[in-house]
PDB file of N, CA and C in Angstrom:
ATOM      1  N   UNK A   1      83.312 129.272 255.374  1.00  0.00           N
ATOM      2  CA  UNK A   1      82.500 128.689 254.285  1.00  0.00           C
ATOM      3  C   UNK A   1      83.129 127.518 253.621  1.00  0.00           C
ATOM      4  N   UNK A   2      82.616 126.886 253.124  1.00  0.00           N
ATOM      5  CA  UNK A   2      82.843 125.743 252.267  1.00  0.00           C
ATOM      6  C   UNK A   2      81.998 125.908 251.158  1.00  0.00           C
ATOM      7  N   UNK A   3      82.704 125.972 249.851  1.00  0.00           N
ATOM      8  CA  UNK A   3      82.085 125.909 248.737  1.00  0.00           C
ATOM      9  C   UNK A   3      82.011 124.748 248.021  1.00  0.00           C
ATOM     10  N   UNK A   4      81.139 124.184 247.221  1.00  0.00           N
ATOM     11  CA  UNK A   4      81.061 122.860 246.520  1.00  0.00           C
ATOM     12  C   UNK A   4      81.712 123.333 244.895  1.00  0.00           C
ATOM     13  N   UNK A   5      82.241 124.389 244.440  1.00  0.00           N
ATOM     14  CA  UNK A   5      83.083 124.557 243.752  1.00  0.00           C
ATOM     15  C   UNK A   5      84.016 125.715 243.835  1.00  0.00           C
ATOM     16  N   UNK A   6      84.588 126.196 242.782  1.00  0.00           N
ATOM     17  CA  UNK A   6      85.531 127.167 243.332  1.00  0.00           C
ATOM     18  C   UNK A   6      84.981 128.378 244.117  1.00  0.00           C
ATOM     19  N   UNK A   7      85.826 128.750 245.066  1.00  0.00           N
ATOM     20  CA  UNK A   7      85.160 130.057 245.855  1.00  0.00           C
ATOM     21  C   UNK A   7      84.208 131.045 244.962  1.00  0.00           C
ATOM     22  N   UNK A   8      83.347 131.365 245.347  1.00  0.00           N
ATOM     23  CA  UNK A   8      82.510 132.714 244.577  1.00  0.00           C
ATOM     24  C   UNK A   8      81.858 132.211 243.149  1.00  0.00           C
ATOM     25  N   UNK A   9      81.971 131.144 242.860  1.00  0.00           N
ATOM     26  CA  UNK A   9      81.776 130.940 241.438  1.00  0.00           C
ATOM     27  C   UNK A   9      80.425 130.246 241.418  1.00  0.00           C
ATOM     28  N   UNK A  10      79.839 129.856 242.550  1.00  0.00           N
ATOM     29  CA  UNK A  10      78.406 129.149 242.305  1.00  0.00           C
ATOM     30  C   UNK A  10      77.722 129.607 243.643  1.00  0.00           C
ATOM     31  N   UNK A  11      76.471 129.559 243.549  1.00  0.00           N
ATOM     32  CA  UNK A  11      75.720 130.017 244.815  1.00  0.00           C
ATOM     33  C   UNK A  11      75.483 128.811 245.745  1.00  0.00           C
ATOM     34  N   UNK A  12      76.087 127.701 245.567  1.00  0.00           N
ATOM     35  CA  UNK A  12      76.014 126.413 246.453  1.00  0.00           C
ATOM     36  C   UNK A  12      77.127 126.533 247.438  1.00  0.00           C
ATOM     37  N   UNK A  13      77.203 126.662 248.841  1.00  0.00           N
ATOM     38  CA  UNK A  13      78.081 126.863 249.852  1.00  0.00           C
ATOM     39  C   UNK A  13      77.482 126.422 251.192  1.00  0.00           C
ATOM     40  N   UNK A  14      78.376 125.596 251.904  1.00  0.00           N
ATOM     41  CA  UNK A  14      78.161 125.243 253.118  1.00  0.00           C
ATOM     42  C   UNK A  14      78.826 125.661 254.378  1.00  0.00           C
ATOM     43  N   UNK A  15      77.970 126.406 255.430  1.00  0.00           N
ATOM     44  CA  UNK A  15      78.439 126.993 256.328  1.00  0.00           C
ATOM     45  C   UNK A  15      79.179 126.078 257.601  1.00  0.00           C
ATOM     46  N   UNK A  16      80.618 125.779 257.413  1.00  0.00           N
ATOM     47  CA  UNK A  16      81.076 125.025 258.571  1.00  0.00           C
ATOM     48  C   UNK A  16      80.757 125.089 259.750  1.00  0.00           C
ATOM     49  N   UNK A  17      80.559 126.252 260.035  1.00  0.00           N
ATOM     50  CA  UNK A  17      80.603 127.235 261.526  1.00  0.00           C
ATOM     51  C   UNK A  17      80.372 128.244 261.352  1.00  0.00           C
ATOM     52  N   UNK A  18      79.605 129.049 261.882  1.00  0.00           N
ATOM     53  CA  UNK A  18      78.824 130.474 262.230  1.00  0.00           C
ATOM     54  C   UNK A  18      78.827 130.946 263.642  1.00  0.00           C
ATOM     55  N   UNK A  19      79.872 131.790 263.971  1.00  0.00           N
ATOM     56  CA  UNK A  19      80.177 132.218 265.199  1.00  0.00           C
ATOM     57  C   UNK A  19      80.611 133.565 265.285  1.00  0.00           C
ATOM     58  N   UNK A  20      80.352 134.188 266.413  1.00  0.00           N
ATOM     59  CA  UNK A  20      81.125 135.541 266.691  1.00  0.00           C
ATOM     60  C   UNK A  20      82.345 135.570 267.606  1.00  0.00           C
ATOM     61  N   UNK A  21      83.243 136.530 267.236  1.00  0.00           N
ATOM     62  CA  UNK A  21      84.315 136.632 268.281  1.00  0.00           C
ATOM     63  C   UNK A  21      84.711 137.979 268.749  1.00  0.00           C
ATOM     64  N   UNK A  22      84.479 138.069 269.839  1.00  0.00           N
ATOM     65  CA  UNK A  22      84.522 139.240 270.509  1.00  0.00           C
ATOM     66  C   UNK A  22      85.840 140.268 270.577  1.00  0.00           C
ATOM     67  N   UNK A  23      85.833 141.422 270.272  1.00  0.00           N
ATOM     68  CA  UNK A  23      86.702 142.271 270.095  1.00  0.00           C
ATOM     69  C   UNK A  23      87.882 141.715 271.437  1.00  0.00           C
ATOM     70  N   UNK A  24      89.241 141.631 270.810  1.00  0.00           N
ATOM     71  CA  UNK A  24      90.221 141.062 271.752  1.00  0.00           C
ATOM     72  C   UNK A  24      89.890 139.550 272.454  1.00  0.00           C
ATOM     73  N   UNK A  25      88.889 139.211 272.440  1.00  0.00           N
ATOM     74  CA  UNK A  25      88.664 137.691 272.920  1.00  0.00           C
ATOM     75  C   UNK A  25      89.649 136.525 272.139  1.00  0.00           C
ATOM     76  N   UNK A  26      89.489 135.526 272.430  1.00  0.00           N
ATOM     77  CA  UNK A  26      90.276 134.625 272.129  1.00  0.00           C
ATOM     78  C   UNK A  26      90.219 134.177 270.774  1.00  0.00           C
ATOM     79  N   UNK A  27      90.984 133.663 269.855  1.00  0.00           N
ATOM     80  CA  UNK A  27      90.547 133.467 268.469  1.00  0.00           C
ATOM     81  C   UNK A  27      90.226 132.076 268.163  1.00  0.00           C
ATOM     82  N   UNK A  28      89.972 131.758 266.828  1.00  0.00           N
ATOM     83  CA  UNK A  28      89.431 130.249 266.591  1.00  0.00           C
ATOM     84  C   UNK A  28      90.537 129.478 265.623  1.00  0.00           C
ATOM     85  N   UNK A  29      90.393 128.348 265.940  1.00  0.00           N
ATOM     86  CA  UNK A  29      91.183 127.220 264.931  1.00  0.00           C
ATOM     87  C   UNK A  29      90.052 126.884 263.966  1.00  0.00           C
ATOM     88  N   UNK A  30      90.302 127.009 262.371  1.00  0.00           N
ATOM     89  CA  UNK A  30      89.546 126.155 261.390  1.00  0.00           C
ATOM     90  C   UNK A  30      90.114 125.181 260.898  1.00  0.00           C
ATOM     91  N   UNK A  31      89.150 124.171 260.834  1.00  0.00           N
ATOM     92  CA  UNK A  31      89.913 122.794 260.327  1.00  0.00           C
ATOM     93  C   UNK A  31      88.922 122.657 259.309  1.00  0.00           C
ATOM     94  N   UNK A  32      89.827 122.839 258.100  1.00  0.00           N
ATOM     95  CA  UNK A  32      89.490 122.630 256.440  1.00  0.00           C
ATOM     96  C   UNK A  32      89.352 121.394 255.634  1.00  0.00           C
ATOM     97  N   UNK A  33      89.740 120.529 256.915  1.00  0.00           N
ATOM     98  CA  UNK A  33      89.257 118.962 256.430  1.00  0.00           C
ATOM     99  C   UNK A  33      90.228 118.737 255.257  1.00  0.00           C
ATOM    100  N   UNK A  34      89.632 118.019 254.241  1.00  0.00           N
ATOM    101  CA  UNK A  34      90.320 117.809 253.005  1.00  0.00           C
ATOM    102  C   UNK A  34      90.514 119.004 252.240  1.00  0.00           C
ATOM    103  N   UNK A  35      90.073 120.035 252.267  1.00  0.00           N
ATOM    104  CA  UNK A  35      89.917 121.387 251.301  1.00  0.00           C
ATOM    105  C   UNK A  35      91.363 122.097 251.273  1.00  0.00           C
ATOM    106  N   UNK A  36      91.839 122.754 250.491  1.00  0.00           N
ATOM    107  CA  UNK A  36      92.999 123.590 250.611  1.00  0.00           C
ATOM    108  C   UNK A  36      92.585 124.692 250.962  1.00  0.00           C
ATOM    109  N   UNK A  37      92.013 125.506 251.798  1.00  0.00           N
ATOM    110  CA  UNK A  37      91.226 126.825 251.510  1.00  0.00           C
ATOM    111  C   UNK A  37      90.263 126.897 252.550  1.00  0.00           C
ATOM    112  N   UNK A  38      90.018 127.989 253.014  1.00  0.00           N
ATOM    113  CA  UNK A  38      88.810 128.262 254.021  1.00  0.00           C
ATOM    114  C   UNK A  38      88.654 129.815 253.693  1.00  0.00           C
ATOM    115  N   UNK A  39      87.449 130.394 253.648  1.00  0.00           N
ATOM    116  CA  UNK A  39      86.996 131.538 253.616  1.00  0.00           C
ATOM    117  C   UNK A  39      86.564 132.081 254.954  1.00  0.00           C
ATOM    118  N   UNK A  40      86.937 133.001 255.262  1.00  0.00           N
ATOM    119  CA  UNK A  40      86.339 133.783 256.501  1.00  0.00           C
ATOM    120  C   UNK A  40      85.798 135.255 256.111  1.00  0.00           C
ATOM    121  N   UNK A  41      84.395 134.878 256.553  1.00  0.00           N
ATOM    122  CA  UNK A  41      83.522 135.996 256.120  1.00  0.00           C
ATOM    123  C   UNK A  41      83.212 137.044 257.234  1.00  0.00           C
ATOM    124  N   UNK A  42      83.215 138.360 256.926  1.00  0.00           N
ATOM    125  CA  UNK A  42      83.151 139.342 258.273  1.00  0.00           C
ATOM    126  C   UNK A  42      81.854 140.078 257.748  1.00  0.00           C
ATOM    127  N   UNK A  43      80.735 139.810 258.395  1.00  0.00           N
ATOM    128  CA  UNK A  43      79.799 140.680 258.356  1.00  0.00           C
ATOM    129  C   UNK A  43      79.300 140.653 256.846  1.00  0.00           C
ATOM    130  N   UNK A  44      79.482 139.081 256.311  1.00  0.00           N
ATOM    131  CA  UNK A  44      78.312 139.226 255.169  1.00  0.00           C
ATOM    132  C   UNK A  44      79.128 139.897 253.991  1.00  0.00           C
ATOM    133  N   UNK A  45      80.088 140.622 254.252  1.00  0.00           N
ATOM    134  CA  UNK A  45      80.415 141.533 253.201  1.00  0.00           C
ATOM    135  C   UNK A  45      81.832 141.557 252.649  1.00  0.00           C
ATOM    136  N   UNK A  46      82.814 141.409 253.862  1.00  0.00           N
ATOM    137  CA  UNK A  46      84.072 141.044 253.598  1.00  0.00           C
ATOM    138  C   UNK A  46      84.740 139.668 253.950  1.00  0.00           C
ATOM    139  N   UNK A  47      85.549 139.249 252.973  1.00  0.00           N
ATOM    140  CA  UNK A  47      85.799 137.772 252.916  1.00  0.00           C
ATOM    141  C   UNK A  47      87.629 138.027 252.706  1.00  0.00           C
ATOM    142  N   UNK A  48      88.139 136.752 253.562  1.00  0.00           N
ATOM    143  CA  UNK A  48      89.428 136.530 253.190  1.00  0.00           C
ATOM    144  C   UNK A  48      89.887 135.169 253.022  1.00  0.00           C
ATOM    145  N   UNK A  49      90.423 134.824 252.046  1.00  0.00           N
ATOM    146  CA  UNK A  49      90.598 133.307 251.447  1.00  0.00           C
ATOM    147  C   UNK A  49      92.127 132.913 252.150  1.00  0.00           C
ATOM    148  N   UNK A  50      92.149 132.111 252.659  1.00  0.00           N
ATOM    149  CA  UNK A  50      93.355 131.550 253.064  1.00  0.00           C
ATOM    150  C   UNK A  50      93.522 129.968 252.382  1.00  0.00           C
ATOM    151  N   UNK A  51      94.593 130.002 251.473  1.00  0.00           N
ATOM    152  CA  UNK A  51      95.056 128.763 250.772  1.00  0.00           C
ATOM    153  C   UNK A  51      96.029 128.206 251.189  1.00  0.00           C
ATOM    154  N   UNK A  52      96.054 126.991 251.069  1.00  0.00           N
ATOM    155  CA  UNK A  52      97.328 125.879 251.218  1.00  0.00           C
ATOM    156  C   UNK A  52      97.564 125.029 250.356  1.00  0.00           C
ATOM    157  N   UNK A  53      97.854 125.684 249.040  1.00  0.00           N
ATOM    158  CA  UNK A  53      98.236 124.613 247.803  1.00  0.00           C
ATOM    159  C   UNK A  53      99.112 123.447 248.067  1.00  0.00           C
ATOM    160  N   UNK A  54      98.966 122.587 247.441  1.00  0.00           N
ATOM    161  CA  UNK A  54     100.043 121.226 247.607  1.00  0.00           C
ATOM    162  C   UNK A  54     101.257 121.686 246.883  1.00  0.00           C
ATOM    163  N   UNK A  55     102.348 121.380 247.733  1.00  0.00           N
ATOM    164  CA  UNK A  55     103.728 122.060 247.135  1.00  0.00           C
ATOM    165  C   UNK A  55     103.771 123.330 246.549  1.00  0.00           C
ATOM    166  N   UNK A  56     103.319 124.069 247.442  1.00  0.00           N
ATOM    167  CA  UNK A  56     103.225 125.917 246.913  1.00  0.00           C
ATOM    168  C   UNK A  56     103.078 126.462 248.378  1.00  0.00           C
ATOM    169  N   UNK A  57     103.477 127.785 248.523  1.00  0.00           N
ATOM    170  CA  UNK A  57     103.620 128.603 249.620  1.00  0.00           C
ATOM    171  C   UNK A  57     101.857 129.352 249.960  1.00  0.00           C
ATOM    172  N   UNK A  58     101.615 129.095 251.132  1.00  0.00           N
ATOM    173  CA  UNK A  58     100.346 129.528 251.257  1.00  0.00           C
ATOM    174  C   UNK A  58     100.047 130.737 250.618  1.00  0.00           C
ATOM    175  N   UNK A  59      98.647 131.194 250.531  1.00  0.00           N
ATOM    176  CA  UNK A  59      98.523 132.601 250.077  1.00  0.00           C
ATOM    177  C   UNK A  59      97.140 133.088 250.556  1.00  0.00           C
ATOM    178  N   UNK A  60      96.687 134.250 250.397  1.00  0.00           N
ATOM    179  CA  UNK A  60      95.595 134.687 250.870  1.00  0.00           C
ATOM    180  C   UNK A  60      95.283 135.829 249.932  1.00  0.00           C
ATOM    181  N   UNK A  61      93.774 135.448 249.576  1.00  0.00           N
ATOM    182  CA  UNK A  61      93.202 136.707 248.578  1.00  0.00           C
ATOM    183  C   UNK A  61      91.764 137.476 249.586  1.00  0.00           C
ATOM    184  N   UNK A  62      91.431 138.673 249.088  1.00  0.00           N
ATOM    185  CA  UNK A  62      90.392 139.195 249.786  1.00  0.00           C
ATOM    186  C   UNK A  62      89.303 139.624 248.876  1.00  0.00           C
ATOM    187  N   UNK A  63      87.833 139.902 249.172  1.00  0.00           N
ATOM    188  CA  UNK A  63      87.024 139.774 248.227  1.00  0.00           C
ATOM    189  C   UNK A  63      85.956 140.905 249.135  1.00  0.00           C
ATOM    190  N   UNK A  64      85.559 141.658 248.634  1.00  0.00           N
ATOM    191  CA  UNK A  64      84.360 142.123 248.657  1.00  0.00           C
ATOM    192  C   UNK A  64      82.771 141.840 248.052  1.00  0.00           C
ATOM    193  N   UNK A  65      81.869 141.749 248.941  1.00  0.00           N
ATOM    194  CA  UNK A  65      80.768 141.197 248.228  1.00  0.00           C
ATOM    195  C   UNK A  65      79.793 142.458 247.704  1.00  0.00           C
ATOM    196  N   UNK A  66      79.050 142.364 246.750  1.00  0.00           N
ATOM    197  CA  UNK A  66      78.046 143.105 246.358  1.00  0.00           C
ATOM    198  C   UNK A  66      76.816 143.050 246.843  1.00  0.00           C
ATOM    199  N   UNK A  67      76.470 142.126 247.805  1.00  0.00           N
ATOM    200  CA  UNK A  67      75.205 141.601 248.335  1.00  0.00           C
ATOM    201  C   UNK A  67      75.574 141.502 249.778  1.00  0.00           C
ATOM    202  N   UNK A  68      74.409 140.919 250.342  1.00  0.00           N
ATOM    203  CA  UNK A  68      74.555 140.685 251.752  1.00  0.00           C
ATOM    204  C   UNK A  68      74.019 139.046 251.798  1.00  0.00           C
ATOM    205  N   UNK A  69      73.950 138.205 250.942  1.00  0.00           N
ATOM    206  CA  UNK A  69      73.722 136.998 250.917  1.00  0.00           C
ATOM    207  C   UNK A  69      74.812 136.191 251.705  1.00  0.00           C
ATOM    208  N   UNK A  70      74.210 134.848 252.072  1.00  0.00           N
ATOM    209  CA  UNK A  70      75.632 133.967 252.829  1.00  0.00           C
ATOM    210  C   UNK A  70      76.352 133.511 251.614  1.00  0.00           C
ATOM    211  N   UNK A  71      75.568 133.095 250.417  1.00  0.00           N
ATOM    212  CA  UNK A  71      76.575 132.474 249.410  1.00  0.00           C
ATOM    213  C   UNK A  71      76.670 133.592 248.426  1.00  0.00           C
ATOM    214  N   UNK A  72      77.597 133.951 248.252  1.00  0.00           N
ATOM    215  CA  UNK A  72      77.925 135.546 247.171  1.00  0.00           C
ATOM    216  C   UNK A  72      78.362 134.952 245.807  1.00  0.00           C
ATOM    217  N   UNK A  73      77.753 135.416 244.770  1.00  0.00           N
ATOM    218  CA  UNK A  73      78.033 135.240 243.624  1.00  0.00           C
ATOM    219  C   UNK A  73      78.462 136.868 242.991  1.00  0.00           C
ATOM    220  N   UNK A  74      77.816 138.032 243.401  1.00  0.00           N
ATOM    221  CA  UNK A  74      78.703 138.954 242.934  1.00  0.00           C
ATOM    222  C   UNK A  74      79.678 139.500 243.869  1.00  0.00           C
ATOM    223  N   UNK A  75      81.093 139.164 243.625  1.00  0.00           N
ATOM    224  CA  UNK A  75      82.054 139.608 244.471  1.00  0.00           C
ATOM    225  C   UNK A  75      83.040 140.294 243.501  1.00  0.00           C
ATOM    226  N   UNK A  76      84.085 140.971 244.240  1.00  0.00           N
ATOM    227  CA  UNK A  76      84.865 141.817 243.656  1.00  0.00           C
ATOM    228  C   UNK A  76      86.134 141.488 244.402  1.00  0.00           C
ATOM    229  N   UNK A  77      87.371 140.871 243.507  1.00  0.00           N
ATOM    230  CA  UNK A  77      88.518 140.421 244.134  1.00  0.00           C
ATOM    231  C   UNK A  77      89.381 141.584 244.566  1.00  0.00           C
ATOM    232  N   UNK A  78      89.966 141.905 245.741  1.00  0.00           N
ATOM    233  CA  UNK A  78      90.448 143.355 245.847  1.00  0.00           C
ATOM    234  C   UNK A  78      91.836 142.757 246.229  1.00  0.00           C
ATOM    235  N   UNK A  79      92.407 141.854 246.562  1.00  0.00           N
ATOM    236  CA  UNK A  79      93.676 141.106 246.855  1.00  0.00           C
ATOM    237  C   UNK A  79      94.008 139.603 246.149  1.00  0.00           C
ATOM    238  N   UNK A  80      94.988 139.573 245.118  1.00  0.00           N
ATOM    239  CA  UNK A  80      94.852 138.457 244.581  1.00  0.00           C
ATOM    240  C   UNK A  80      96.353 137.705 244.686  1.00  0.00           C
ATOM    241  N   UNK A  81      96.020 136.514 245.392  1.00  0.00           N
ATOM    242  CA  UNK A  81      97.236 135.287 245.578  1.00  0.00           C
ATOM    243  C   UNK A  81      98.453 136.250 246.006  1.00  0.00           C
ATOM    244  N   UNK A  82      98.232 136.937 247.319  1.00  0.00           N
ATOM    245  CA  UNK A  82      99.401 137.131 247.956  1.00  0.00           C
ATOM    246  C   UNK A  82     100.039 136.120 249.094  1.00  0.00           C
ATOM    247  N   UNK A  83     101.509 135.759 248.591  1.00  0.00           N
ATOM    248  CA  UNK A  83     102.161 134.644 249.143  1.00  0.00           C
ATOM    249  C   UNK A  83     102.877 134.954 250.579  1.00  0.00           C
ATOM    250  N   UNK A  84     102.468 134.104 251.495  1.00  0.00           N
ATOM    251  CA  UNK A  84     103.197 134.638 252.706  1.00  0.00           C
ATOM    252  C   UNK A  84     104.103 133.431 253.102  1.00  0.00           C
ATOM    253  N   UNK A  85     105.191 134.168 254.046  1.00  0.00           N
ATOM    254  CA  UNK A  85     106.218 133.133 254.219  1.00  0.00           C
ATOM    255  C   UNK A  85     105.925 133.026 255.837  1.00  0.00           C
ATOM    256  N   UNK A  86     106.640 132.048 256.520  1.00  0.00           N
ATOM    257  CA  UNK A  86     106.463 131.903 258.024  1.00  0.00           C
ATOM    258  C   UNK A  86     107.085 133.376 258.511  1.00  0.00           C
ATOM    259  N   UNK A  87     106.251 133.615 259.684  1.00  0.00           N
ATOM    260  CA  UNK A  87     106.618 134.676 260.300  1.00  0.00           C
ATOM    261  C   UNK A  87     106.276 136.434 259.675  1.00  0.00           C
ATOM    262  N   UNK A  88     105.869 135.939 258.455  1.00  0.00           N
ATOM    263  CA  UNK A  88     105.372 137.508 258.043  1.00  0.00           C
ATOM    264  C   UNK A  88     104.190 138.042 258.200  1.00  0.00           C
ATOM    265  N   UNK A  89     104.334 139.408 258.440  1.00  0.00           N
ATOM    266  CA  UNK A  89     102.940 140.397 258.810  1.00  0.00           C
ATOM    267  C   UNK A  89     102.658 140.867 257.183  1.00  0.00           C
ATOM    268  N   UNK A  90     101.195 140.920 256.944  1.00  0.00           N
ATOM    269  CA  UNK A  90     101.082 141.865 255.707  1.00  0.00           C
ATOM    270  C   UNK A  90      99.601 142.532 256.184  1.00  0.00           C
ATOM    271  N   UNK A  91      99.624 144.028 255.922  1.00  0.00           N
ATOM    272  CA  UNK A  91      98.481 144.751 256.276  1.00  0.00           C
ATOM    273  C   UNK A  91      98.371 145.398 254.850  1.00  0.00           C
ATOM    274  N   UNK A  92      96.686 145.012 254.698  1.00  0.00           N
ATOM    275  CA  UNK A  92      96.173 145.991 253.936  1.00  0.00           C
ATOM    276  C   UNK A  92      94.879 146.557 254.239  1.00  0.00           C
ATOM    277  N   UNK A  93      94.351 147.615 253.568  1.00  0.00           N
ATOM    278  CA  UNK A  93      93.104 148.315 253.664  1.00  0.00           C
ATOM    279  C   UNK A  93      92.188 148.124 252.364  1.00  0.00           C
ATOM    280  N   UNK A  94      91.096 147.930 252.885  1.00  0.00           N
ATOM    281  CA  UNK A  94      89.867 147.802 251.752  1.00  0.00           C
ATOM    282  C   UNK A  94      88.826 148.093 252.372  1.00  0.00           C
ATOM    283  N   UNK A  95      88.010 149.046 251.613  1.00  0.00           N
ATOM    284  CA  UNK A  95      86.428 149.581 251.982  1.00  0.00           C
ATOM    285  C   UNK A  95      86.547 150.392 253.328  1.00  0.00           C
ATOM    286  N   UNK A  96      87.503 151.088 253.582  1.00  0.00           N
ATOM    287  CA  UNK A  96      88.306 151.592 254.838  1.00  0.00           C
ATOM    288  C   UNK A  96      88.408 151.166 255.926  1.00  0.00           C
ATOM    289  N   UNK A  97      88.699 149.823 256.077  1.00  0.00           N
ATOM    290  CA  UNK A  97      89.046 148.976 257.145  1.00  0.00           C
ATOM    291  C   UNK A  97      90.601 148.593 256.897  1.00  0.00           C
ATOM    292  N   UNK A  98      91.289 148.071 257.805  1.00  0.00           N
ATOM    293  CA  UNK A  98      92.504 147.723 257.834  1.00  0.00           C
ATOM    294  C   UNK A  98      92.450 146.376 258.242  1.00  0.00           C
ATOM    295  N   UNK A  99      93.249 145.334 257.588  1.00  0.00           N
ATOM    296  CA  UNK A  99      93.399 144.170 258.017  1.00  0.00           C
ATOM    297  C   UNK A  99      94.835 143.803 258.260  1.00  0.00           C
ATOM    298  N   UNK A 100      95.001 143.054 259.218  1.00  0.00           N
ATOM    299  CA  UNK A 100      96.449 142.382 259.653  1.00  0.00           C
ATOM    300  C   UNK A 100      96.639 141.240 259.545  1.00  0.00           C
ATOM    301  N   UNK A 101      97.385 140.412 258.503  1.00  0.00           N
ATOM    302  CA  UNK A 101      97.292 138.852 258.580  1.00  0.00           C
ATOM    303  C   UNK A 101      98.783 138.580 259.061  1.00  0.00           C
ATOM    304  N   UNK A 102      98.797 137.682 259.824  1.00  0.00           N
ATOM    305  CA  UNK A 102     100.256 137.010 260.276  1.00  0.00           C
ATOM    306  C   UNK A 102     100.333 135.628 260.078  1.00  0.00           C
ATOM    307  N   UNK A 103     101.449 135.162 259.383  1.00  0.00           N
ATOM    308  CA  UNK A 103     101.785 133.816 259.061  1.00  0.00           C
ATOM    309  C   UNK A 103     102.465 133.591 260.203  1.00  0.00           C
ATOM    310  N   UNK A 104     102.187 132.514 260.879  1.00  0.00           N
ATOM    311  CA  UNK A 104     102.775 132.290 262.678  1.00  0.00           C
ATOM    312  C   UNK A 104     103.606 131.135 262.176  1.00  0.00           C
ATOM    313  N   UNK A 105     104.209 130.421 263.158  1.00  0.00           N
ATOM    314  CA  UNK A 105     104.962 129.014 262.726  1.00  0.00           C
ATOM    315  C   UNK A 105     103.667 128.144 262.186  1.00  0.00           C
ATOM    316  N   UNK A 106     104.404 127.287 261.413  1.00  0.00           N
ATOM    317  CA  UNK A 106     103.592 125.984 260.828  1.00  0.00           C
ATOM    318  C   UNK A 106     103.457 125.006 262.100  1.00  0.00           C
ATOM    319  N   UNK A 107     102.355 124.293 262.120  1.00  0.00           N
ATOM    320  CA  UNK A 107     102.408 123.137 262.954  1.00  0.00           C
ATOM    321  C   UNK A 107     102.539 121.603 262.336  1.00  0.00           C
ATOM    322  N   UNK A 108     102.758 120.731 262.944  1.00  0.00           N
ATOM    323  CA  UNK A 108     102.686 119.652 261.975  1.00  0.00           C
ATOM    324  C   UNK A 108     101.732 119.181 260.925  1.00  0.00           C
ATOM    325  N   UNK A 109     100.595 119.626 261.513  1.00  0.00           N
ATOM    326  CA  UNK A 109      99.546 119.253 260.731  1.00  0.00           C
ATOM    327  C   UNK A 109      98.638 120.668 259.837  1.00  0.00           C
ATOM    328  N   UNK A 110      99.272 121.472 260.130  1.00  0.00           N
ATOM    329  CA  UNK A 110      98.094 122.667 259.548  1.00  0.00           C
ATOM    330  C   UNK A 110      99.127 124.049 259.484  1.00  0.00           C
ATOM    331  N   UNK A 111      98.528 124.830 258.765  1.00  0.00           N
ATOM    332  CA  UNK A 111      99.231 126.287 258.575  1.00  0.00           C
ATOM    333  C   UNK A 111      98.634 127.121 259.773  1.00  0.00           C
ATOM    334  N   UNK A 112      99.214 128.179 260.011  1.00  0.00           N
ATOM    335  CA  UNK A 112      98.828 128.813 261.246  1.00  0.00           C
ATOM    336  C   UNK A 112      98.904 130.204 260.948  1.00  0.00           C
ATOM    337  N   UNK A 113      97.577 131.021 261.142  1.00  0.00           N
ATOM    338  CA  UNK A 113      97.558 132.292 260.549  1.00  0.00           C
ATOM    339  C   UNK A 113      96.750 132.903 261.631  1.00  0.00           C
ATOM    340  N   UNK A 114      97.025 134.201 261.774  1.00  0.00           N
ATOM    341  CA  UNK A 114      96.326 135.304 262.763  1.00  0.00           C
ATOM    342  C   UNK A 114      95.670 136.711 261.596  1.00  0.00           C
ATOM    343  N   UNK A 115      94.534 136.479 262.066  1.00  0.00           N
ATOM    344  CA  UNK A 115      94.003 137.725 261.182  1.00  0.00           C
ATOM    345  C   UNK A 115      93.309 138.569 261.907  1.00  0.00           C
ATOM    346  N   UNK A 116      93.743 139.928 262.354  1.00  0.00           N
ATOM    347  CA  UNK A 116      93.135 141.237 263.133  1.00  0.00           C
ATOM    348  C   UNK A 116      92.407 141.900 262.578  1.00  0.00           C
ATOM    349  N   UNK A 117      91.479 142.160 263.129  1.00  0.00           N
ATOM    350  CA  UNK A 117      90.366 143.107 262.632  1.00  0.00           C
ATOM    351  C   UNK A 117      90.515 144.295 263.299  1.00  0.00           C
ATOM    352  N   UNK A 118      89.978 145.844 262.653  1.00  0.00           N
ATOM    353  CA  UNK A 118      89.663 146.662 263.101  1.00  0.00           C
ATOM    354  C   UNK A 118      88.509 146.602 264.138  1.00  0.00           C
ATOM    355  N   UNK A 119      88.254 147.414 265.135  1.00  0.00           N
ATOM    356  CA  UNK A 119      86.905 147.364 265.842  1.00  0.00           C
ATOM    357  C   UNK A 119      85.800 147.930 265.256  1.00  0.00           C
ATOM    358  N   UNK A 120      85.981 148.709 264.060  1.00  0.00           N
ATOM    359  CA  UNK A 120      84.529 149.135 263.140  1.00  0.00           C
ATOM    360  C   UNK A 120      84.135 148.099 262.398  1.00  0.00           C
ATOM    361  N   UNK A 121      84.452 146.836 262.173  1.00  0.00           N
ATOM    362  CA  UNK A 121      84.108 145.943 261.416  1.00  0.00           C
ATOM    363  C   UNK A 121      82.915 145.262 262.029  1.00  0.00           C
TER     364      UNK A 121
END
């Protein structure tokens, strides 16, 4: 999702891409253009925000939505600004689901993360 203001602070957002990823299937690359973040929304309820601020370590946030709208306003932040180093793996559980985030080697023009989801999402 691309928000026209800070993520989850306004009802105006733009879906840059909407697609299904089959369990165990190939992943997707996300191009954030000029933004320093991307929001991955899972089943319109779980969101993971990947942020790459200028001159700082990339970090992730996680959110749970209180509605099933495409542009959420009613959300609860459940993971706050977890900074990640290259080759780091971070696992966390929220809403009875386990998420695994890997920060892979950086590429010359982008940061590279892998998000593994449980099959029950």
